[in-house]
Amino acid sequence: KVLDEERVEWMARAGCEHISLGIETATRRLQKAFCGDKLPDPELAARVLGWCRARGIATRGFFQLGFPGETREEMRATAALARRLDLDSAQFC
């Protein structure tokens, strides 16, 4: 299921202190190739992270670099996305 603002609110009320999201990559081509039908949505992630920040929940994003066939520009786009999302921490694999 997708997180919505109501679920984030309930998580905060239940004492959730941290959330990690698998954002993976900024590149739609790679998302489709490696995530299949489970395409991460960076814009939805940004909304979820905003809801979490507003409720004091720390945030972390997981990202992948070095997919077969991934270009340097695609890797830079993923790093830029991680910076733009204003996460508390980011993990790159």
PDB file of N, CA and C in Angstrom:
ATOM      1  N   LYS A   1       0.831  -1.189   0.000  1.00  0.00           N
ATOM      2  CA  LYS A   1       0.000   0.000   0.000  1.00  0.00           C
ATOM      3  C   LYS A   1       0.868   1.242   0.000  1.00  0.00           C
ATOM      4  N   VAL A   2       0.316   2.292  -0.509  1.00  0.00           N
ATOM      5  CA  VAL A   2       1.012   3.565  -0.577  1.00  0.00           C
ATOM      6  C   VAL A   2       0.731   4.365   0.693  1.00  0.00           C
ATOM      7  N   LEU A   3       1.748   5.027   1.174  1.00  0.00           N
ATOM      8  CA  LEU A   3       1.541   5.905   2.321  1.00  0.00           C
ATOM      9  C   LEU A   3       0.780   7.145   1.883  1.00  0.00           C
ATOM     10  N   ASP A   4      -0.197   7.506   2.664  1.00  0.00           N
ATOM     11  CA  ASP A   4      -0.892   8.771   2.439  1.00  0.00           C
ATOM     12  C   ASP A   4      -0.759   9.584   3.714  1.00  0.00           C
ATOM     13  N   GLU A   5      -1.235  10.818   3.683  1.00  0.00           N
ATOM     14  CA  GLU A   5      -1.043  11.699   4.829  1.00  0.00           C
ATOM     15  C   GLU A   5      -1.717  11.171   6.090  1.00  0.00           C
ATOM     16  N   GLU A   6      -2.870  10.555   5.933  1.00  0.00           N
ATOM     17  CA  GLU A   6      -3.567  10.007   7.093  1.00  0.00           C
ATOM     18  C   GLU A   6      -2.747   8.888   7.748  1.00  0.00           C
ATOM     19  N   ARG A   7      -2.170   8.008   6.929  1.00  0.00           N
ATOM     20  CA  ARG A   7      -1.352   6.920   7.495  1.00  0.00           C
ATOM     21  C   ARG A   7      -0.118   7.470   8.205  1.00  0.00           C
ATOM     22  N   VAL A   8       0.494   8.495   7.612  1.00  0.00           N
ATOM     23  CA  VAL A   8       1.661   9.107   8.256  1.00  0.00           C
ATOM     24  C   VAL A   8       1.251   9.724   9.592  1.00  0.00           C
ATOM     25  N   GLU A   9       0.089  10.356   9.635  1.00  0.00           N
ATOM     26  CA  GLU A   9      -0.407  10.929  10.883  1.00  0.00           C
ATOM     27  C   GLU A   9      -0.585   9.839  11.941  1.00  0.00           C
ATOM     28  N   TRP A  10      -1.173   8.716  11.562  1.00  0.00           N
ATOM     29  CA  TRP A  10      -1.370   7.620  12.517  1.00  0.00           C
ATOM     30  C   TRP A  10      -0.030   7.045  12.965  1.00  0.00           C
ATOM     31  N   MET A  11       0.921   6.955  12.046  1.00  0.00           N
ATOM     32  CA  MET A  11       2.248   6.465  12.419  1.00  0.00           C
ATOM     33  C   MET A  11       2.878   7.383  13.465  1.00  0.00           C
ATOM     34  N   ALA A  12       2.765   8.684  13.253  1.00  0.00           N
ATOM     35  CA  ALA A  12       3.322   9.647  14.209  1.00  0.00           C
ATOM     36  C   ALA A  12       2.638   9.516  15.567  1.00  0.00           C
ATOM     37  N   ARG A  13       1.333   9.408  15.564  1.00  0.00           N
ATOM     38  CA  ARG A  13       0.594   9.257  16.822  1.00  0.00           C
ATOM     39  C   ARG A  13       0.975   7.968  17.550  1.00  0.00           C
ATOM     40  N   ALA A  14       1.338   6.940  16.780  1.00  0.00           N
ATOM     41  CA  ALA A  14       1.720   5.658  17.378  1.00  0.00           C
ATOM     42  C   ALA A  14       3.167   5.663  17.878  1.00  0.00           C
ATOM     43  N   GLY A  15       3.886   6.769  17.628  1.00  0.00           N
ATOM     44  CA  GLY A  15       5.243   6.870  18.130  1.00  0.00           C
ATOM     45  C   GLY A  15       6.338   6.606  17.110  1.00  0.00           C
ATOM     46  N   CYS A  16       5.989   6.533  15.828  1.00  0.00           N
ATOM     47  CA  CYS A  16       7.002   6.318  14.796  1.00  0.00           C
ATOM     48  C   CYS A  16       8.010   7.472  14.832  1.00  0.00           C
ATOM     49  N   GLU A  17       9.282   7.132  14.863  1.00  0.00           N
ATOM     50  CA  GLU A  17      10.332   8.140  14.925  1.00  0.00           C
ATOM     51  C   GLU A  17      11.158   8.221  13.661  1.00  0.00           C
ATOM     52  N   HIS A  18      11.087   7.204  12.812  1.00  0.00           N
ATOM     53  CA  HIS A  18      11.948   7.144  11.629  1.00  0.00           C
ATOM     54  C   HIS A  18      11.253   6.370  10.519  1.00  0.00           C
ATOM     55  N   ILE A  19      11.452   6.813   9.286  1.00  0.00           N
ATOM     56  CA  ILE A  19      10.924   6.071   8.136  1.00  0.00           C
ATOM     57  C   ILE A  19      11.987   6.045   7.046  1.00  0.00           C
ATOM     58  N   SER A  20      12.095   4.910   6.373  1.00  0.00           N
ATOM     59  CA  SER A  20      13.007   4.754   5.241  1.00  0.00           C
ATOM     60  C   SER A  20      12.187   4.417   4.013  1.00  0.00           C
ATOM     61  N   LEU A  21      12.514   5.074   2.905  1.00  0.00           N
ATOM     62  CA  LEU A  21      11.809   4.836   1.646  1.00  0.00           C
ATOM     63  C   LEU A  21      12.794   4.368   0.583  1.00  0.00           C
ATOM     64  N   GLY A  22      12.432   3.342  -0.160  1.00  0.00           N
ATOM     65  CA  GLY A  22      13.235   2.868  -1.286  1.00  0.00           C
ATOM     66  C   GLY A  22      12.904   3.691  -2.520  1.00  0.00           C
ATOM     67  N   ILE A  23      13.655   4.749  -2.738  1.00  0.00           N
ATOM     68  CA  ILE A  23      13.403   5.650  -3.864  1.00  0.00           C
ATOM     69  C   ILE A  23      14.135   5.136  -5.106  1.00  0.00           C
ATOM     70  N   GLU A  24      15.260   4.502  -4.911  1.00  0.00           N
ATOM     71  CA  GLU A  24      16.053   3.769  -5.908  1.00  0.00           C
ATOM     72  C   GLU A  24      16.804   4.639  -6.908  1.00  0.00           C
ATOM     73  N   THR A  25      16.107   5.301  -7.834  1.00  0.00           N
ATOM     74  CA  THR A  25      16.771   6.058  -8.895  1.00  0.00           C
ATOM     75  C   THR A  25      15.862   7.175  -9.381  1.00  0.00           C
ATOM     76  N   ALA A  26      16.467   8.195  -9.963  1.00  0.00           N
ATOM     77  CA  ALA A  26      15.692   9.308 -10.521  1.00  0.00           C
ATOM     78  C   ALA A  26      15.292   9.049 -11.961  1.00  0.00           C
ATOM     79  N   THR A  27      15.804   7.998 -12.548  1.00  0.00           N
ATOM     80  CA  THR A  27      15.651   7.749 -13.977  1.00  0.00           C
ATOM     81  C   THR A  27      14.508   6.781 -14.255  1.00  0.00           C
ATOM     82  N   ARG A  28      13.489   7.253 -14.943  1.00  0.00           N
ATOM     83  CA  ARG A  28      12.332   6.401 -15.273  1.00  0.00           C
ATOM     84  C   ARG A  28      12.742   5.154 -16.040  1.00  0.00           C
ATOM     85  N   ARG A  29      13.683   5.302 -16.953  1.00  0.00           N
ATOM     86  CA  ARG A  29      14.137   4.155 -17.757  1.00  0.00           C
ATOM     87  C   ARG A  29      14.656   3.048 -16.839  1.00  0.00           C
ATOM     88  N   LEU A  30      15.468   3.412 -15.867  1.00  0.00           N
ATOM     89  CA  LEU A  30      16.016   2.409 -14.949  1.00  0.00           C
ATOM     90  C   LEU A  30      14.969   1.894 -13.983  1.00  0.00           C
ATOM     91  N   GLN A  31      14.071   2.765 -13.547  1.00  0.00           N
ATOM     92  CA  GLN A  31      12.985   2.313 -12.675  1.00  0.00           C
ATOM     93  C   GLN A  31      12.195   1.215 -13.360  1.00  0.00           C
ATOM     94  N   LYS A  32      11.846   1.451 -14.601  1.00  0.00           N
ATOM     95  CA  LYS A  32      11.037   0.478 -15.332  1.00  0.00           C
ATOM     96  C   LYS A  32      11.809  -0.825 -15.553  1.00  0.00           C
ATOM     97  N   ALA A  33      13.084  -0.708 -15.874  1.00  0.00           N
ATOM     98  CA  ALA A  33      13.895  -1.894 -16.151  1.00  0.00           C
ATOM     99  C   ALA A  33      14.121  -2.745 -14.906  1.00  0.00           C
ATOM    100  N   PHE A  34      14.307  -2.107 -13.757  1.00  0.00           N
ATOM    101  CA  PHE A  34      14.708  -2.853 -12.577  1.00  0.00           C
ATOM    102  C   PHE A  34      13.630  -2.991 -11.511  1.00  0.00           C
ATOM    103  N   CYS A  35      12.595  -2.189 -11.595  1.00  0.00           N
ATOM    104  CA  CYS A  35      11.529  -2.259 -10.592  1.00  0.00           C
ATOM    105  C   CYS A  35      10.244  -2.833 -11.169  1.00  0.00           C
ATOM    106  N   GLY A  36      10.186  -3.018 -12.469  1.00  0.00           N
ATOM    107  CA  GLY A  36       8.998  -3.570 -13.100  1.00  0.00           C
ATOM    108  C   GLY A  36       7.768  -2.715 -12.852  1.00  0.00           C
ATOM    109  N   ASP A  37       6.693  -3.348 -12.425  1.00  0.00           N
ATOM    110  CA  ASP A  37       5.435  -2.640 -12.192  1.00  0.00           C
ATOM    111  C   ASP A  37       5.434  -1.841 -10.894  1.00  0.00           C
ATOM    112  N   LYS A  38       6.435  -2.039 -10.056  1.00  0.00           N
ATOM    113  CA  LYS A  38       6.506  -1.333  -8.772  1.00  0.00           C
ATOM    114  C   LYS A  38       7.348  -0.067  -8.920  1.00  0.00           C
ATOM    115  N   LEU A  39       6.957   0.800  -9.828  1.00  0.00           N
ATOM    116  CA  LEU A  39       7.730   2.010 -10.089  1.00  0.00           C
ATOM    117  C   LEU A  39       7.672   2.973  -8.911  1.00  0.00           C
ATOM    118  N   PRO A  40       8.831   3.306  -8.329  1.00  0.00           N
ATOM    119  CA  PRO A  40       8.841   4.337  -7.293  1.00  0.00           C
ATOM    120  C   PRO A  40       8.473   5.683  -7.913  1.00  0.00           C
ATOM    121  N   ASP A  41       7.807   6.518  -7.188  1.00  0.00           N
ATOM    122  CA  ASP A  41       7.401   7.834  -7.679  1.00  0.00           C
ATOM    123  C   ASP A  41       8.112   8.896  -6.842  1.00  0.00           C
ATOM    124  N   PRO A  42       9.154   9.533  -7.405  1.00  0.00           N
ATOM    125  CA  PRO A  42       9.893  10.535  -6.630  1.00  0.00           C
ATOM    126  C   PRO A  42       9.020  11.684  -6.124  1.00  0.00           C
ATOM    127  N   GLU A  43       7.993  12.057  -6.859  1.00  0.00           N
ATOM    128  CA  GLU A  43       7.125  13.147  -6.405  1.00  0.00           C
ATOM    129  C   GLU A  43       6.268  12.721  -5.214  1.00  0.00           C
ATOM    130  N   LEU A  44       5.789  11.475  -5.241  1.00  0.00           N
ATOM    131  CA  LEU A  44       5.062  10.951  -4.084  1.00  0.00           C
ATOM    132  C   LEU A  44       6.007  10.855  -2.891  1.00  0.00           C
ATOM    133  N   ALA A  45       7.224  10.405  -3.136  1.00  0.00           N
ATOM    134  CA  ALA A  45       8.205  10.325  -2.043  1.00  0.00           C
ATOM    135  C   ALA A  45       8.421  11.694  -1.415  1.00  0.00           C
ATOM    136  N   ALA A  46       8.503  12.731  -2.230  1.00  0.00           N
ATOM    137  CA  ALA A  46       8.697  14.088  -1.705  1.00  0.00           C
ATOM    138  C   ALA A  46       7.527  14.497  -0.814  1.00  0.00           C
ATOM    139  N   ARG A  47       6.305  14.160  -1.219  1.00  0.00           N
ATOM    140  CA  ARG A  47       5.135  14.486  -0.393  1.00  0.00           C
ATOM    141  C   ARG A  47       5.165  13.719   0.924  1.00  0.00           C
ATOM    142  N   VAL A  48       5.443  12.422   0.855  1.00  0.00           N
ATOM    143  CA  VAL A  48       5.496  11.591   2.063  1.00  0.00           C
ATOM    144  C   VAL A  48       6.566  12.121   3.011  1.00  0.00           C
ATOM    145  N   LEU A  49       7.732  12.461   2.466  1.00  0.00           N
ATOM    146  CA  LEU A  49       8.807  12.978   3.309  1.00  0.00           C
ATOM    147  C   LEU A  49       8.404  14.294   3.960  1.00  0.00           C
ATOM    148  N   GLY A  50       7.697  15.137   3.250  1.00  0.00           N
ATOM    149  CA  GLY A  50       7.202  16.390   3.819  1.00  0.00           C
ATOM    150  C   GLY A  50       6.224  16.147   4.955  1.00  0.00           C
ATOM    151  N   TRP A  51       5.322  15.205   4.760  1.00  0.00           N
ATOM    152  CA  TRP A  51       4.365  14.865   5.820  1.00  0.00           C
ATOM    153  C   TRP A  51       5.109  14.363   7.054  1.00  0.00           C
ATOM    154  N   CYS A  52       6.152  13.543   6.821  1.00  0.00           N
ATOM    155  CA  CYS A  52       6.925  13.002   7.940  1.00  0.00           C
ATOM    156  C   CYS A  52       7.654  14.124   8.673  1.00  0.00           C
ATOM    157  N   ARG A  53       8.325  14.991   7.947  1.00  0.00           N
ATOM    158  CA  ARG A  53       9.047  16.101   8.576  1.00  0.00           C
ATOM    159  C   ARG A  53       8.109  16.958   9.417  1.00  0.00           C
ATOM    160  N   ALA A  54       6.912  17.215   8.892  1.00  0.00           N
ATOM    161  CA  ALA A  54       5.941  18.055   9.598  1.00  0.00           C
ATOM    162  C   ALA A  54       5.514  17.423  10.921  1.00  0.00           C
ATOM    163  N   ARG A  55       5.687  16.122  11.044  1.00  0.00           N
ATOM    164  CA  ARG A  55       5.275  15.414  12.253  1.00  0.00           C
ATOM    165  C   ARG A  55       6.460  14.944  13.096  1.00  0.00           C
ATOM    166  N   GLY A  56       7.650  15.398  12.736  1.00  0.00           N
ATOM    167  CA  GLY A  56       8.835  15.059  13.526  1.00  0.00           C
ATOM    168  C   GLY A  56       9.380  13.670  13.294  1.00  0.00           C
ATOM    169  N   ILE A  57       9.023  13.032  12.187  1.00  0.00           N
ATOM    170  CA  ILE A  57       9.525  11.700  11.861  1.00  0.00           C
ATOM    171  C   ILE A  57      10.779  11.867  11.002  1.00  0.00           C
ATOM    172  N   ALA A  58      11.905  11.304  11.435  1.00  0.00           N
ATOM    173  CA  ALA A  58      13.151  11.363  10.677  1.00  0.00           C
ATOM    174  C   ALA A  58      13.013  10.547   9.388  1.00  0.00           C
ATOM    175  N   THR A  59      13.740  10.962   8.359  1.00  0.00           N
ATOM    176  CA  THR A  59      13.590  10.325   7.050  1.00  0.00           C
ATOM    177  C   THR A  59      14.928   9.859   6.486  1.00  0.00           C
ATOM    178  N   ARG A  60      14.872   8.712   5.793  1.00  0.00           N
ATOM    179  CA  ARG A  60      16.040   8.193   5.076  1.00  0.00           C
ATOM    180  C   ARG A  60      15.565   7.661   3.740  1.00  0.00           C
ATOM    181  N   GLY A  61      16.376   7.855   2.722  1.00  0.00           N
ATOM    182  CA  GLY A  61      16.076   7.321   1.397  1.00  0.00           C
ATOM    183  C   GLY A  61      17.149   6.339   0.974  1.00  0.00           C
ATOM    184  N   PHE A  62      16.710   5.262   0.346  1.00  0.00           N
ATOM    185  CA  PHE A  62      17.634   4.277  -0.213  1.00  0.00           C
ATOM    186  C   PHE A  62      17.698   4.485  -1.721  1.00  0.00           C
ATOM    187  N   PHE A  63      18.919   4.518  -2.253  1.00  0.00           N
ATOM    188  CA  PHE A  63      19.137   4.752  -3.681  1.00  0.00           C
ATOM    189  C   PHE A  63      20.119   3.721  -4.219  1.00  0.00           C
ATOM    190  N   GLN A  64      19.972   3.408  -5.486  1.00  0.00           N
ATOM    191  CA  GLN A  64      20.862   2.475  -6.174  1.00  0.00           C
ATOM    192  C   GLN A  64      21.693   3.246  -7.199  1.00  0.00           C
ATOM    193  N   LEU A  65      22.966   2.953  -7.245  1.00  0.00           N
ATOM    194  CA  LEU A  65      23.854   3.498  -8.273  1.00  0.00           C
ATOM    195  C   LEU A  65      24.603   2.346  -8.921  1.00  0.00           C
ATOM    196  N   GLY A  66      24.900   2.482 -10.204  1.00  0.00           N
ATOM    197  CA  GLY A  66      25.689   1.468 -10.893  1.00  0.00           C
ATOM    198  C   GLY A  66      24.884   0.361 -11.528  1.00  0.00           C
ATOM    199  N   PHE A  67      23.619   0.648 -11.837  1.00  0.00           N
ATOM    200  CA  PHE A  67      22.833  -0.334 -12.598  1.00  0.00           C
ATOM    201  C   PHE A  67      23.563  -0.641 -13.897  1.00  0.00           C
ATOM    202  N   PRO A  68      23.478  -1.877 -14.407  1.00  0.00           N
ATOM    203  CA  PRO A  68      24.059  -2.168 -15.720  1.00  0.00           C
ATOM    204  C   PRO A  68      23.480  -1.216 -16.770  1.00  0.00           C
ATOM    205  N   GLY A  69      24.354  -0.552 -17.487  1.00  0.00           N
ATOM    206  CA  GLY A  69      23.918   0.376 -18.529  1.00  0.00           C
ATOM    207  C   GLY A  69      23.613   1.781 -18.040  1.00  0.00           C
ATOM    208  N   GLU A  70      23.705   2.022 -16.739  1.00  0.00           N
ATOM    209  CA  GLU A  70      23.431   3.356 -16.204  1.00  0.00           C
ATOM    210  C   GLU A  70      24.550   4.314 -16.604  1.00  0.00           C
ATOM    211  N   THR A  71      24.176   5.500 -17.025  1.00  0.00           N
ATOM    212  CA  THR A  71      25.166   6.496 -17.428  1.00  0.00           C
ATOM    213  C   THR A  71      25.569   7.371 -16.243  1.00  0.00           C
ATOM    214  N   ARG A  72      26.665   8.088 -16.395  1.00  0.00           N
ATOM    215  CA  ARG A  72      27.102   9.017 -15.349  1.00  0.00           C
ATOM    216  C   ARG A  72      26.035  10.088 -15.123  1.00  0.00           C
ATOM    217  N   GLU A  73      25.421  10.542 -16.182  1.00  0.00           N
ATOM    218  CA  GLU A  73      24.379  11.565 -16.052  1.00  0.00           C
ATOM    219  C   GLU A  73      23.191  11.034 -15.250  1.00  0.00           C
ATOM    220  N   GLU A  74      22.817   9.782 -15.464  1.00  0.00           N
ATOM    221  CA  GLU A  74      21.730   9.180 -14.678  1.00  0.00           C
ATOM    222  C   GLU A  74      22.114   9.074 -13.205  1.00  0.00           C
ATOM    223  N   MET A  75      23.364   8.729 -12.924  1.00  0.00           N
ATOM    224  CA  MET A  75      23.821   8.670 -11.536  1.00  0.00           C
ATOM    225  C   MET A  75      23.792  10.059 -10.906  1.00  0.00           C
ATOM    226  N   ARG A  76      24.213  11.062 -11.669  1.00  0.00           N
ATOM    227  CA  ARG A  76      24.157  12.440 -11.160  1.00  0.00           C
ATOM    228  C   ARG A  76      22.720  12.865 -10.881  1.00  0.00           C
ATOM    229  N   ALA A  77      21.789  12.456 -11.732  1.00  0.00           N
ATOM    230  CA  ALA A  77      20.374  12.797 -11.523  1.00  0.00           C
ATOM    231  C   ALA A  77      19.856  12.169 -10.233  1.00  0.00           C
ATOM    232  N   THR A  78      20.269  10.947  -9.944  1.00  0.00           N
ATOM    233  CA  THR A  78      19.850  10.286  -8.701  1.00  0.00           C
ATOM    234  C   THR A  78      20.429  11.008  -7.489  1.00  0.00           C
ATOM    235  N   ALA A  79      21.705  11.387  -7.557  1.00  0.00           N
ATOM    236  CA  ALA A  79      22.318  12.136  -6.450  1.00  0.00           C
ATOM    237  C   ALA A  79      21.616  13.480  -6.264  1.00  0.00           C
ATOM    238  N   ALA A  80      21.281  14.144  -7.356  1.00  0.00           N
ATOM    239  CA  ALA A  80      20.575  15.428  -7.274  1.00  0.00           C
ATOM    240  C   ALA A  80      19.193  15.247  -6.651  1.00  0.00           C
ATOM    241  N   LEU A  81      18.510  14.161  -6.997  1.00  0.00           N
ATOM    242  CA  LEU A  81      17.201  13.872  -6.411  1.00  0.00           C
ATOM    243  C   LEU A  81      17.341  13.697  -4.900  1.00  0.00           C
ATOM    244  N   ALA A  82      18.345  12.963  -4.462  1.00  0.00           N
ATOM    245  CA  ALA A  82      18.555  12.749  -3.021  1.00  0.00           C
ATOM    246  C   ALA A  82      18.756  14.091  -2.314  1.00  0.00           C
ATOM    247  N   ARG A  83      19.515  14.989  -2.923  1.00  0.00           N
ATOM    248  CA  ARG A  83      19.721  16.310  -2.313  1.00  0.00           C
ATOM    249  C   ARG A  83      18.418  17.111  -2.296  1.00  0.00           C
ATOM    250  N   ARG A  84      17.677  17.064  -3.378  1.00  0.00           N
ATOM    251  CA  ARG A  84      16.434  17.836  -3.494  1.00  0.00           C
ATOM    252  C   ARG A  84      15.382  17.381  -2.482  1.00  0.00           C
ATOM    253  N   LEU A  85      15.365  16.102  -2.157  1.00  0.00           N
ATOM    254  CA  LEU A  85      14.359  15.571  -1.244  1.00  0.00           C
ATOM    255  C   LEU A  85      14.598  15.980   0.205  1.00  0.00           C
ATOM    256  N   ASP A  86      15.753  16.533   0.509  1.00  0.00           N
ATOM    257  CA  ASP A  86      16.041  17.044   1.854  1.00  0.00           C
ATOM    258  C   ASP A  86      15.819  15.971   2.925  1.00  0.00           C
ATOM    259  N   LEU A  87      16.431  14.824   2.710  1.00  0.00           N
ATOM    260  CA  LEU A  87      16.350  13.715   3.644  1.00  0.00           C
ATOM    261  C   LEU A  87      17.240  13.947   4.853  1.00  0.00           C
ATOM    262  N   ASP A  88      16.913  13.298   5.959  1.00  0.00           N
ATOM    263  CA  ASP A  88      17.824  13.314   7.099  1.00  0.00           C
ATOM    264  C   ASP A  88      19.071  12.498   6.795  1.00  0.00           C
ATOM    265  N   SER A  89      18.903  11.422   6.034  1.00  0.00           N
ATOM    266  CA  SER A  89      20.049  10.632   5.569  1.00  0.00           C
ATOM    267  C   SER A  89      19.686   9.913   4.289  1.00  0.00           C
ATOM    268  N   ALA A  90      20.718   9.604   3.518  1.00  0.00           N
ATOM    269  CA  ALA A  90      20.536   8.862   2.268  1.00  0.00           C
ATOM    270  C   ALA A  90      21.566   7.747   2.240  1.00  0.00           C
ATOM    271  N   GLN A  91      21.147   6.607   1.747  1.00  0.00           N
ATOM    272  CA  GLN A  91      22.047   5.471   1.616  1.00  0.00           C
ATOM    273  C   GLN A  91      22.091   5.073   0.154  1.00  0.00           C
ATOM    274  N   PHE A  92      23.319   5.000  -0.364  1.00  0.00           N
ATOM    275  CA  PHE A  92      23.519   4.624  -1.761  1.00  0.00           C
ATOM    276  C   PHE A  92      24.176   3.262  -1.811  1.00  0.00           C
ATOM    277  N   CYS A  93      23.622   2.397  -2.633  1.00  0.00           N
ATOM    278  CA  CYS A  93      24.169   1.044  -2.793  1.00  0.00           C
ATOM    279  C   CYS A  93      24.581   0.854  -4.239  1.00  0.00           C
TER     280      CYS A  93
END
